[in-house]
């Protein structure tokens, strides 16, 4: 499965495009499709201290990026890109109509990316001791 992602980098780029489009769309495109109301946001699970929807979105994007660039020297650059992307997209909500900046969303984004970074670090550390 990991080889599938590294061969087809278009999947990572497509996930990026879709996420950026959904983030920058004024209002909730998914809410419009599901509830026929642009102001309602579909909720996958209940929010705790962070926005779980944002956590899931950036967790999946980071996981896909991790699989795509697993054997590349660009993996660290991808992680830096994802951290900045998660912050910039949430900050842009200040200027987008029907959207608002929320710290819980920002923390959900960042924790989604950082969890994959930590998991990746632990896996690499384990592989070093394995040899």
Protein backbone atom coordinates (compact mmCIF):
# COMPACT_ATOMS: atom_id res chain seq x y z
CA UNK A 1 0.00 0.00 0.00
CA UNK A 2 2.85 2.38 0.81
CA UNK A 3 4.35 1.72 -2.64
CA UNK A 4 0.98 2.66 -4.14
CA UNK A 5 1.21 6.14 -2.61
CA UNK A 6 4.84 6.68 -3.62
CA UNK A 7 4.06 5.70 -7.21
CA UNK A 8 0.98 7.89 -7.44
CA UNK A 9 1.91 11.22 -5.87
CA UNK A 10 -1.16 12.66 -7.56
CA UNK A 11 -3.21 11.25 -4.65
CA UNK A 12 -1.35 13.45 -2.16
CA UNK A 13 -1.67 16.46 -4.44
CA UNK A 14 -5.37 15.76 -4.99
CA UNK A 15 -5.97 15.52 -1.22
CA UNK A 16 -4.13 18.84 -0.85
CA UNK A 17 -6.28 20.50 -3.49
CA UNK A 18 -9.55 19.19 -2.07
CA UNK A 19 -8.64 20.20 1.49
CA UNK A 20 -7.54 23.69 0.45
CA UNK A 21 -10.72 24.12 -1.62
CA UNK A 22 -12.95 23.03 1.28
CA UNK A 23 -11.08 25.33 3.67
CA UNK A 24 -11.27 28.39 1.46
CA UNK A 25 -14.88 27.92 0.35
CA UNK A 26 -17.10 30.59 1.98
CA UNK A 27 -19.30 28.55 4.26
CA UNK A 28 -19.53 24.79 4.43
CA UNK A 29 -19.69 23.08 1.06
CA UNK A 30 -20.25 19.73 2.77
CA UNK A 31 -23.01 21.28 4.87
CA UNK A 32 -24.65 22.56 1.70
CA UNK A 33 -24.45 19.12 0.06
CA UNK A 34 -25.67 17.16 3.11
CA UNK A 35 -28.03 19.56 4.92
CA UNK A 36 -28.80 22.06 2.13
CA UNK A 37 -27.51 24.77 4.49
CA UNK A 38 -24.17 26.49 3.97
CA UNK A 39 -23.94 27.45 7.67
CA UNK A 40 -24.13 23.88 9.04
CA UNK A 41 -20.96 21.85 9.29
CA UNK A 42 -21.26 18.02 9.32
CA UNK A 43 -19.70 16.59 12.47
CA UNK A 44 -17.93 13.20 12.31
CA UNK A 45 -17.48 12.87 16.07
CA UNK A 46 -18.06 15.14 19.05
CA UNK A 47 -15.45 17.85 19.63
CA UNK A 48 -13.40 17.73 22.81
CA UNK A 49 -10.62 20.28 23.30
CA UNK A 50 -9.86 20.28 19.59
CA UNK A 51 -11.99 20.14 16.47
CA UNK A 52 -12.11 16.47 15.57
CA UNK A 53 -13.08 17.15 11.94
CA UNK A 54 -9.95 19.24 11.50
CA UNK A 55 -7.85 16.63 13.29
CA UNK A 56 -9.11 13.87 10.99
CA UNK A 57 -8.59 15.95 7.85
CA UNK A 58 -4.98 16.82 8.64
CA UNK A 59 -4.22 13.39 10.07
CA UNK A 60 -5.27 11.75 6.78
CA UNK A 61 -3.45 14.38 4.69
CA UNK A 62 -0.27 13.96 6.77
CA UNK A 63 -0.52 10.18 6.67
CA UNK A 64 -0.88 10.30 2.89
CA UNK A 65 2.11 12.66 2.63
CA UNK A 66 4.10 10.39 4.92
CA UNK A 67 3.37 7.34 2.75
CA UNK A 68 4.00 9.26 -0.46
CA UNK A 69 7.42 10.57 0.57
CA UNK A 70 8.46 7.74 2.94
CA UNK A 71 11.71 6.92 1.15
CA UNK A 72 12.44 10.47 0.06
CA UNK A 73 14.71 13.08 1.55
CA UNK A 74 11.80 15.54 1.15
CA UNK A 75 9.75 14.05 3.99
CA UNK A 76 10.88 16.69 6.49
CA UNK A 77 10.02 19.41 3.98
CA UNK A 78 6.55 17.89 3.54
CA UNK A 79 6.01 17.94 7.32
CA UNK A 80 7.09 21.60 7.50
CA UNK A 81 4.73 22.39 4.62
CA UNK A 82 1.83 20.65 6.38
CA UNK A 83 2.42 22.50 9.67
CA UNK A 84 2.45 25.85 7.88
CA UNK A 85 -0.53 24.88 5.73
CA UNK A 86 -2.56 23.91 8.79
CA UNK A 87 -1.88 27.29 10.43
CA UNK A 88 -2.27 29.46 7.33
CA UNK A 89 -5.57 27.90 6.24
CA UNK A 90 -7.11 28.46 9.66
CA UNK A 91 -5.81 32.04 9.86
CA UNK A 92 -7.37 32.76 6.45
CA UNK A 93 -10.78 32.02 7.99
CA UNK A 94 -10.62 35.52 9.47
CA UNK A 95 -11.17 36.99 5.99
CA UNK A 96 -13.51 34.38 4.46
CA UNK A 97 -17.27 35.07 4.67
CA UNK A 98 -19.34 32.57 6.68
CA UNK A 99 -16.10 31.21 8.23
CA UNK A 100 -14.40 32.13 11.49
CA UNK A 101 -11.03 31.57 13.10
CA UNK A 102 -11.20 29.20 16.05
CA UNK A 103 -8.34 28.08 18.25
CA UNK A 104 -9.85 24.58 18.61
CA UNK A 105 -9.75 24.23 14.80
CA UNK A 106 -6.14 25.41 14.69
CA UNK A 107 -5.14 22.97 17.43
CA UNK A 108 -7.02 20.17 15.64
CA UNK A 109 -5.05 20.91 12.47
CA UNK A 110 -1.71 21.05 14.24
CA UNK A 111 -2.29 17.97 16.39
CA UNK A 112 -3.33 16.01 13.28
CA UNK A 113 -0.01 16.86 11.61
CA UNK A 114 2.12 16.53 14.74
CA UNK A 115 0.72 13.10 15.59
CA UNK A 116 1.92 11.75 12.23
CA UNK A 117 5.30 13.44 12.73
CA UNK A 118 5.65 11.76 16.14
CA UNK A 119 4.52 8.37 14.82
CA UNK A 120 6.98 8.70 11.94
CA UNK A 121 9.79 9.62 14.36
CA UNK A 122 9.05 6.59 16.56
CA UNK A 123 8.98 4.26 13.54
CA UNK A 124 12.31 5.60 12.25
CA UNK A 125 13.84 5.29 15.72
CA UNK A 126 12.64 1.70 15.96
CA UNK A 127 14.12 0.88 12.55
CA UNK A 128 17.51 2.21 13.68
CA UNK A 129 17.49 -0.12 16.72
CA UNK A 130 16.21 -2.98 14.58
CA UNK A 131 19.37 -3.01 12.44
